[in-house]
Amino acid sequence: MQLFYDGDEDYPVEEYDEVVVIAAEFRFPATIKKVLPKIKQVIVGFENIDPVLDLIVLRKQARVPLSAIEFVGRSM
């Protein structure tokens, strides 16, 4: 099983994709660390993306549902 962004089969969810995690009205930049397709969730990391965010966010990783992220870009 493979997960796709917004059901678009041209964009499968892959490790190291750059995404934005949406929590209420807040948006946090993150990188996908692991894809969990059976439960439709991903583990994202917040480290080394923004120096200010590194100081604010205490947790460096989180498990979030696929519906709570937006695709930003693909890492090379």
N, C-alpha and C. Protein backbone atom coordinates (compact mmCIF):
# COMPACT_ATOMS: atom_id res chain seq x y z
N MET A 1 0.84 -1.18 0.00
CA MET A 1 0.00 0.00 0.00
C MET A 1 0.88 1.24 0.00
N GLN A 2 0.49 2.23 -0.77
CA GLN A 2 1.26 3.47 -0.85
C GLN A 2 0.32 4.65 -0.62
N LEU A 3 0.81 5.68 0.04
CA LEU A 3 0.01 6.87 0.30
C LEU A 3 0.31 7.93 -0.74
N PHE A 4 -0.71 8.74 -1.06
CA PHE A 4 -0.56 9.82 -2.04
C PHE A 4 -1.09 11.11 -1.44
N TYR A 5 -0.51 12.23 -1.87
CA TYR A 5 -0.97 13.54 -1.43
C TYR A 5 -2.28 13.87 -2.14
N ASP A 6 -3.32 14.16 -1.40
CA ASP A 6 -4.63 14.54 -1.92
C ASP A 6 -5.16 13.53 -2.93
N GLY A 7 -4.81 12.27 -2.81
CA GLY A 7 -5.30 11.25 -3.71
C GLY A 7 -4.73 11.32 -5.11
N ASP A 8 -3.74 12.19 -5.34
CA ASP A 8 -3.13 12.34 -6.65
C ASP A 8 -2.01 11.30 -6.80
N GLU A 9 -2.18 10.36 -7.71
CA GLU A 9 -1.23 9.27 -7.85
C GLU A 9 0.09 9.69 -8.48
N ASP A 10 0.22 10.94 -8.90
CA ASP A 10 1.50 11.46 -9.41
C ASP A 10 2.44 11.84 -8.27
N TYR A 11 1.90 12.00 -7.06
CA TYR A 11 2.70 12.44 -5.92
C TYR A 11 2.60 11.46 -4.76
N PRO A 12 3.34 10.35 -4.80
CA PRO A 12 3.34 9.44 -3.64
C PRO A 12 4.10 10.05 -2.47
N VAL A 13 3.70 9.72 -1.27
CA VAL A 13 4.37 10.20 -0.07
C VAL A 13 5.67 9.42 0.07
N GLU A 14 6.79 10.15 0.18
CA GLU A 14 8.09 9.51 0.30
C GLU A 14 8.85 10.12 1.48
N GLU A 15 9.81 9.34 1.98
CA GLU A 15 10.68 9.85 3.05
C GLU A 15 11.48 11.03 2.53
N TYR A 16 11.75 11.96 3.40
CA TYR A 16 12.53 13.18 3.15
C TYR A 16 11.78 14.22 2.33
N ASP A 17 10.47 14.03 2.09
CA ASP A 17 9.68 15.09 1.46
C ASP A 17 9.56 16.25 2.43
N GLU A 18 9.56 17.45 1.88
CA GLU A 18 9.35 18.65 2.69
C GLU A 18 7.86 18.93 2.72
N VAL A 19 7.31 19.06 3.93
CA VAL A 19 5.88 19.26 4.11
C VAL A 19 5.63 20.37 5.12
N VAL A 20 4.36 20.73 5.23
CA VAL A 20 3.91 21.66 6.27
C VAL A 20 2.87 20.92 7.09
N VAL A 21 3.05 20.89 8.41
CA VAL A 21 2.08 20.27 9.31
C VAL A 21 1.10 21.36 9.74
N ILE A 22 -0.18 21.08 9.56
CA ILE A 22 -1.21 22.06 9.90
C ILE A 22 -1.88 21.64 11.20
N ALA A 23 -1.80 22.52 12.20
CA ALA A 23 -2.43 22.28 13.49
C ALA A 23 -3.22 23.53 13.85
N ALA A 24 -4.55 23.45 13.74
CA ALA A 24 -5.44 24.60 13.91
C ALA A 24 -5.04 25.67 12.90
N GLU A 25 -4.70 26.88 13.35
CA GLU A 25 -4.28 27.92 12.41
C GLU A 25 -2.76 28.02 12.29
N PHE A 26 -2.04 27.11 12.91
CA PHE A 26 -0.59 27.13 12.86
C PHE A 26 -0.07 26.19 11.78
N ARG A 27 1.05 26.58 11.18
CA ARG A 27 1.68 25.77 10.12
C ARG A 27 3.16 25.62 10.47
N PHE A 28 3.62 24.37 10.58
CA PHE A 28 4.99 24.08 10.95
C PHE A 28 5.70 23.37 9.81
N PRO A 29 6.84 23.89 9.35
CA PRO A 29 7.60 23.16 8.32
C PRO A 29 8.22 21.90 8.93
N ALA A 30 8.25 20.85 8.14
CA ALA A 30 8.77 19.58 8.64
C ALA A 30 9.28 18.74 7.47
N THR A 31 9.95 17.65 7.82
CA THR A 31 10.45 16.69 6.85
C THR A 31 9.92 15.31 7.23
N ILE A 32 9.44 14.55 6.27
CA ILE A 32 8.93 13.22 6.55
C ILE A 32 10.11 12.29 6.85
N LYS A 33 10.04 11.62 7.99
CA LYS A 33 11.08 10.68 8.39
C LYS A 33 10.71 9.24 8.09
N LYS A 34 9.40 8.92 8.23
CA LYS A 34 8.96 7.54 8.01
C LYS A 34 7.49 7.57 7.58
N VAL A 35 7.13 6.69 6.67
CA VAL A 35 5.76 6.57 6.19
C VAL A 35 5.14 5.32 6.79
N LEU A 36 3.95 5.47 7.38
CA LEU A 36 3.22 4.35 7.99
C LEU A 36 1.92 4.15 7.19
N PRO A 37 1.98 3.43 6.06
CA PRO A 37 0.82 3.36 5.17
C PRO A 37 -0.39 2.62 5.72
N LYS A 38 -0.20 1.64 6.57
CA LYS A 38 -1.34 0.86 7.09
C LYS A 38 -2.27 1.71 7.95
N ILE A 39 -1.71 2.66 8.69
CA ILE A 39 -2.54 3.51 9.55
C ILE A 39 -2.68 4.92 8.99
N LYS A 40 -2.19 5.14 7.76
CA LYS A 40 -2.28 6.43 7.05
C LYS A 40 -1.73 7.58 7.88
N GLN A 41 -0.54 7.35 8.44
CA GLN A 41 0.15 8.37 9.22
C GLN A 41 1.60 8.44 8.77
N VAL A 42 2.26 9.54 9.13
CA VAL A 42 3.67 9.72 8.85
C VAL A 42 4.36 10.22 10.10
N ILE A 43 5.64 9.93 10.21
CA ILE A 43 6.45 10.50 11.28
C ILE A 43 7.25 11.63 10.65
N VAL A 44 7.11 12.83 11.22
CA VAL A 44 7.79 14.00 10.68
C VAL A 44 8.82 14.49 11.70
N GLY A 45 9.86 15.13 11.19
CA GLY A 45 10.89 15.71 12.03
C GLY A 45 10.94 17.21 11.83
N PHE A 46 11.20 17.93 12.91
CA PHE A 46 11.26 19.39 12.88
C PHE A 46 12.68 19.92 13.02
N GLU A 47 13.68 19.03 13.07
CA GLU A 47 15.06 19.44 13.32
C GLU A 47 15.71 20.05 12.09
N ASN A 48 16.55 21.03 12.32
CA ASN A 48 17.42 21.64 11.30
C ASN A 48 16.67 22.22 10.11
N ILE A 49 15.46 22.67 10.31
CA ILE A 49 14.70 23.32 9.25
C ILE A 49 14.75 24.83 9.43
N ASP A 50 14.52 25.27 10.66
CA ASP A 50 14.52 26.69 10.99
C ASP A 50 15.15 26.85 12.37
N PRO A 51 16.16 27.72 12.52
CA PRO A 51 16.82 27.85 13.83
C PRO A 51 15.88 28.31 14.94
N VAL A 52 14.91 29.14 14.61
CA VAL A 52 13.95 29.60 15.62
C VAL A 52 13.03 28.46 16.03
N LEU A 53 12.60 27.68 15.06
CA LEU A 53 11.74 26.54 15.35
C LEU A 53 12.47 25.52 16.22
N ASP A 54 13.77 25.37 16.02
CA ASP A 54 14.56 24.45 16.86
C ASP A 54 14.54 24.88 18.33
N LEU A 55 14.45 26.17 18.58
CA LEU A 55 14.40 26.66 19.96
C LEU A 55 13.01 26.55 20.58
N ILE A 56 11.97 26.64 19.75
CA ILE A 56 10.60 26.67 20.26
C ILE A 56 10.03 25.27 20.47
N VAL A 57 10.18 24.41 19.48
CA VAL A 57 9.57 23.08 19.51
C VAL A 57 10.40 22.15 20.39
N LEU A 58 9.79 21.62 21.42
CA LEU A 58 10.50 20.72 22.33
C LEU A 58 10.63 19.32 21.75
N ARG A 59 9.59 18.87 21.09
CA ARG A 59 9.63 17.55 20.45
C ARG A 59 10.24 17.69 19.07
N LYS A 60 11.16 16.85 18.75
CA LYS A 60 11.84 16.93 17.45
C LYS A 60 11.17 16.06 16.40
N GLN A 61 10.27 15.15 16.82
CA GLN A 61 9.52 14.31 15.89
C GLN A 61 8.09 14.18 16.38
N ALA A 62 7.19 13.92 15.44
CA ALA A 62 5.79 13.69 15.79
C ALA A 62 5.17 12.75 14.78
N ARG A 63 4.18 12.01 15.21
CA ARG A 63 3.42 11.15 14.31
C ARG A 63 2.11 11.87 14.03
N VAL A 64 1.85 12.13 12.76
CA VAL A 64 0.66 12.90 12.38
C VAL A 64 -0.09 12.17 11.27
N PRO A 65 -1.41 12.39 11.19
CA PRO A 65 -2.17 11.78 10.10
C PRO A 65 -1.84 12.45 8.77
N LEU A 66 -1.99 11.71 7.70
CA LEU A 66 -1.70 12.23 6.37
C LEU A 66 -2.56 13.44 6.04
N SER A 67 -3.75 13.51 6.58
CA SER A 67 -4.65 14.63 6.30
C SER A 67 -4.18 15.94 6.93
N ALA A 68 -3.21 15.89 7.85
CA ALA A 68 -2.73 17.09 8.53
C ALA A 68 -1.47 17.68 7.91
N ILE A 69 -1.06 17.16 6.73
CA ILE A 69 0.14 17.69 6.10
C ILE A 69 -0.15 18.15 4.69
N GLU A 70 0.64 19.12 4.24
CA GLU A 70 0.59 19.60 2.85
C GLU A 70 1.97 19.42 2.25
N PHE A 71 2.02 18.97 1.02
CA PHE A 71 3.26 18.77 0.31
C PHE A 71 3.86 20.12 -0.08
N VAL A 72 5.16 20.31 0.18
CA VAL A 72 5.86 21.53 -0.20
C VAL A 72 6.86 21.25 -1.32
N GLY A 73 7.69 20.24 -1.14
CA GLY A 73 8.68 19.93 -2.16
C GLY A 73 9.36 18.61 -1.91
N ARG A 74 10.06 18.17 -2.91
CA ARG A 74 10.77 16.90 -2.85
C ARG A 74 12.24 17.18 -2.63
N SER A 75 12.85 16.51 -1.66
CA SER A 75 14.29 16.67 -1.43
C SER A 75 15.06 15.88 -2.47
N MET A 76 16.19 16.41 -2.86
CA MET A 76 17.00 15.73 -3.88
C MET A 76 18.05 14.89 -3.25
